[in-house]
Amino acid sequence: MGEPTFPEPPLAGTETETLLGSLERQRATFRWKVADLDARGLSLRVGASELTLGRLLKHLAYLEDLNFHRDLGGGPLPSPWSDRAADTVSTWAFASADLDPPATLYELWQDAVTRSRSAVAQALTRGGPGLTFPVRGQSVTVRRLLVDMIEEYGRHTGHADLLREAVDGRVGEDPPGRPHPYRHDAPPG
């Protein structure tokens, strides 16, 4: 089967490959930080913070669906987000994660990422990273959305670093394996 790999931006890629490579690297690192945990591991808190790895998983699943599937792709928010009032769904996503089994949290996140990749691929086909789409009455570019999500993952992967170390001592910047340059025309590794 060979040594595992994880995506990273190419050293001299296109704008699209660089942006998507950065996002995919953040996703892969986050996935590694939250991987293979039971309910206890996903619900561990550190200090006074209410953050848990499970809450981060569900929060990022919601943001993937909100930003990519709904806003960029124009689709309706899928369940469980659509089952909640718009003004409470973000708060609900955090708190309700405590009641979800690990398999549900992992599936929510993975399914949302899959939908996001599809929405981004379709948008890039229609107009590249400069394509604009409406969000709350303003025009936003795919480029800006990708940068915002890279930032979101970067911040929460930092939180996940601390939480995962408290769970079982797992530390490190990169998932195990060797990096490979991300190509937007190839499936993510």
Protein backbone atom coordinates (compact mmCIF):
# COMPACT_ATOMS: atom_id res chain seq x y z
CA MET A 1 0.00 0.00 0.00
CA GLY A 2 2.91 2.37 0.52
CA GLU A 3 3.63 5.25 2.84
CA PRO A 4 0.65 7.50 3.58
CA THR A 5 0.64 10.97 2.07
CA PHE A 6 -1.12 14.23 2.76
CA PRO A 7 -1.80 17.16 0.41
CA GLU A 8 0.00 20.45 0.54
CA PRO A 9 0.17 23.43 -1.76
CA PRO A 10 2.57 22.96 -4.66
CA LEU A 11 5.74 25.02 -4.48
CA ALA A 12 5.07 26.64 -7.86
CA GLY A 13 1.42 25.96 -8.63
CA THR A 14 -1.42 27.98 -10.05
CA GLU A 15 -3.51 30.23 -7.83
CA THR A 16 -6.21 27.56 -7.70
CA GLU A 17 -3.78 24.76 -6.84
CA THR A 18 -2.17 26.91 -4.13
CA LEU A 19 -5.47 27.89 -2.52
CA LEU A 20 -6.99 24.40 -2.71
CA GLY A 21 -3.71 22.80 -1.63
CA SER A 22 -3.62 25.05 1.43
CA LEU A 23 -7.22 24.23 2.32
CA GLU A 24 -6.73 20.49 1.77
CA ARG A 25 -3.59 20.52 3.93
CA GLN A 26 -5.53 22.26 6.71
CA ARG A 27 -8.35 19.72 6.38
CA ALA A 28 -5.90 16.80 6.46
CA THR A 29 -4.12 18.16 9.52
CA PHE A 30 -7.41 18.81 11.31
CA ARG A 31 -8.66 15.32 10.39
CA TRP A 32 -5.47 13.81 11.85
CA LYS A 33 -5.84 15.84 15.06
CA VAL A 34 -9.38 14.56 15.66
CA ALA A 35 -9.00 11.03 14.28
CA ASP A 36 -9.74 7.76 16.02
CA LEU A 37 -11.20 9.09 19.24
CA ASP A 38 -14.03 7.79 21.38
CA ALA A 39 -16.69 9.94 23.03
CA ARG A 40 -14.42 10.69 26.00
CA GLY A 41 -11.63 11.93 23.76
CA LEU A 42 -13.97 14.03 21.63
CA SER A 43 -15.56 15.65 24.70
CA LEU A 44 -12.43 16.48 26.73
CA ARG A 45 -12.15 20.13 27.75
CA VAL A 46 -9.04 22.01 28.79
CA GLY A 47 -9.24 24.61 31.53
CA ALA A 48 -12.20 26.96 31.43
CA SER A 49 -12.69 26.61 27.68
CA GLU A 50 -15.87 25.00 26.37
CA LEU A 51 -14.13 23.83 23.19
CA THR A 52 -13.85 20.12 22.54
CA LEU A 53 -12.66 18.21 19.51
CA GLY A 54 -16.23 17.01 18.94
CA ARG A 55 -17.52 20.57 19.02
CA LEU A 56 -14.85 21.63 16.53
CA LEU A 57 -15.78 18.75 14.21
CA LYS A 58 -19.44 19.72 14.18
CA HIS A 59 -18.71 23.45 13.92
CA LEU A 60 -16.45 22.96 10.90
CA ALA A 61 -18.98 20.61 9.30
CA TYR A 62 -21.57 23.36 9.65
CA LEU A 63 -19.24 26.00 8.18
CA GLU A 64 -18.36 23.74 5.25
CA ASP A 65 -22.05 23.31 4.43
CA LEU A 66 -22.94 26.95 5.09
CA ASN A 67 -20.13 28.51 3.08
CA PHE A 68 -19.60 26.04 0.27
CA HIS A 69 -22.79 24.04 -0.18
CA ARG A 70 -25.32 26.80 0.55
CA ASP A 71 -23.57 30.10 -0.26
CA LEU A 72 -21.25 29.05 -3.09
CA GLY A 73 -23.22 26.12 -4.49
CA GLY A 74 -26.67 27.60 -3.99
CA GLY A 75 -28.01 24.44 -2.37
CA PRO A 76 -30.20 24.25 0.71
CA LEU A 77 -28.53 23.56 4.03
CA PRO A 78 -28.79 19.81 4.62
CA SER A 79 -29.94 18.20 7.82
CA PRO A 80 -29.16 18.60 10.70
CA TRP A 81 -28.53 22.33 10.02
CA SER A 82 -31.82 22.81 8.18
CA ASP A 83 -33.70 21.40 11.18
CA ARG A 84 -32.74 24.43 13.31
CA ALA A 85 -33.63 28.12 13.27
CA ALA A 86 -31.05 30.14 11.33
CA ASP A 87 -30.31 32.39 14.30
CA THR A 88 -29.52 29.48 16.66
CA VAL A 89 -27.94 26.83 14.42
CA SER A 90 -24.33 27.98 14.97
CA THR A 91 -24.64 27.85 18.78
CA TRP A 92 -26.60 24.61 18.56
CA ALA A 93 -23.86 22.98 16.48
CA PHE A 94 -21.36 23.48 19.32
CA ALA A 95 -23.55 22.43 22.23
CA SER A 96 -25.29 19.51 20.53
CA ALA A 97 -21.98 17.89 19.59
CA ASP A 98 -21.71 16.73 23.20
CA LEU A 99 -24.70 14.43 22.61
CA ASP A 100 -23.55 12.97 19.28
CA PRO A 101 -21.74 9.65 19.03
CA PRO A 102 -18.25 9.85 17.49
CA ALA A 103 -19.37 8.13 14.27
CA THR A 104 -22.02 10.79 13.74
CA LEU A 105 -19.55 13.64 14.24
CA TYR A 106 -16.98 12.14 11.87
CA GLU A 107 -19.66 11.44 9.25
CA LEU A 108 -21.14 14.96 9.47
CA TRP A 109 -17.72 16.49 8.86
CA GLN A 110 -16.69 14.12 6.07
CA ASP A 111 -20.01 14.45 4.25
CA ALA A 112 -19.84 18.25 4.48
CA VAL A 113 -16.27 18.27 3.12
CA THR A 114 -17.37 16.05 0.23
CA ARG A 115 -20.21 18.47 -0.61
CA SER A 116 -17.81 21.40 -0.33
CA ARG A 117 -15.31 19.88 -2.73
CA SER A 118 -18.08 19.36 -5.26
CA ALA A 119 -19.36 22.95 -4.93
CA VAL A 120 -15.83 24.36 -5.31
CA ALA A 121 -15.07 22.19 -8.34
CA GLN A 122 -18.28 23.34 -10.04
CA ALA A 123 -17.58 27.00 -9.24
CA LEU A 124 -14.02 26.77 -10.54
CA THR A 125 -15.32 25.27 -13.77
CA ARG A 126 -17.73 28.20 -14.13
CA GLY A 127 -15.22 30.97 -13.52
CA GLY A 128 -12.10 30.16 -11.51
CA PRO A 129 -11.11 31.73 -8.21
CA GLY A 130 -12.33 35.16 -9.34
CA LEU A 131 -15.91 33.98 -9.82
CA THR A 132 -18.28 36.03 -7.68
CA PHE A 133 -21.43 34.84 -5.94
CA PRO A 134 -23.89 36.65 -3.66
CA VAL A 135 -23.72 36.37 0.14
CA ARG A 136 -26.08 38.51 2.22
CA GLY A 137 -26.39 41.10 -0.55
CA GLN A 138 -22.69 41.37 -1.34
CA SER A 139 -20.53 39.84 -4.06
CA VAL A 140 -17.87 37.46 -2.77
CA THR A 141 -15.18 35.70 -4.80
CA VAL A 142 -14.35 32.02 -4.58
CA ARG A 143 -10.81 33.20 -3.77
CA ARG A 144 -12.01 35.08 -0.68
CA LEU A 145 -14.11 32.13 0.49
CA LEU A 146 -11.15 29.76 0.17
CA VAL A 147 -8.88 32.14 2.10
CA ASP A 148 -11.51 32.53 4.83
CA MET A 149 -11.85 28.75 5.21
CA ILE A 150 -8.06 28.29 5.30
CA GLU A 151 -8.00 30.82 8.13
CA GLU A 152 -10.90 29.09 9.91
CA TYR A 153 -9.18 25.71 9.74
CA GLY A 154 -5.85 27.20 10.79
CA ARG A 155 -7.36 28.72 13.91
CA HIS A 156 -9.28 25.59 14.87
CA THR A 157 -6.42 23.24 14.09
CA GLY A 158 -4.42 25.24 16.65
CA HIS A 159 -7.19 24.60 19.17
CA ALA A 160 -7.20 20.93 18.16
CA ASP A 161 -3.43 20.75 18.78
CA LEU A 162 -3.91 21.62 22.44
CA LEU A 163 -6.98 19.47 22.92
CA ARG A 164 -5.49 16.39 21.27
CA GLU A 165 -2.29 16.67 23.28
CA ALA A 166 -4.42 16.71 26.45
CA VAL A 167 -6.36 13.62 25.28
CA ASP A 168 -3.47 11.28 24.52
CA GLY A 169 -0.27 13.24 23.95
CA ARG A 170 -0.49 13.34 20.13
CA VAL A 171 1.57 16.27 18.92
CA GLY A 172 3.01 17.36 15.61
CA GLU A 173 2.42 19.76 12.80
CA ASP A 174 1.72 17.32 9.99
CA PRO A 175 -0.13 14.03 9.65
CA PRO A 176 2.11 10.99 9.33
CA GLY A 177 3.52 10.30 5.90
CA ARG A 178 5.01 12.49 3.26
CA PRO A 179 3.49 15.54 1.62
CA HIS A 180 2.44 15.53 -2.01
CA PRO A 181 1.66 18.61 -4.08
CA TYR A 182 -2.08 19.15 -4.40
CA ARG A 183 -3.55 19.14 -7.90
CA HIS A 184 -7.11 20.36 -8.32
CA ASP A 185 -7.73 17.86 -11.12
CA ALA A 186 -6.85 14.86 -8.92
CA PRO A 187 -8.90 13.48 -6.02
CA PRO A 188 -7.65 14.52 -2.56
CA GLY A 189 -5.29 12.09 -0.86
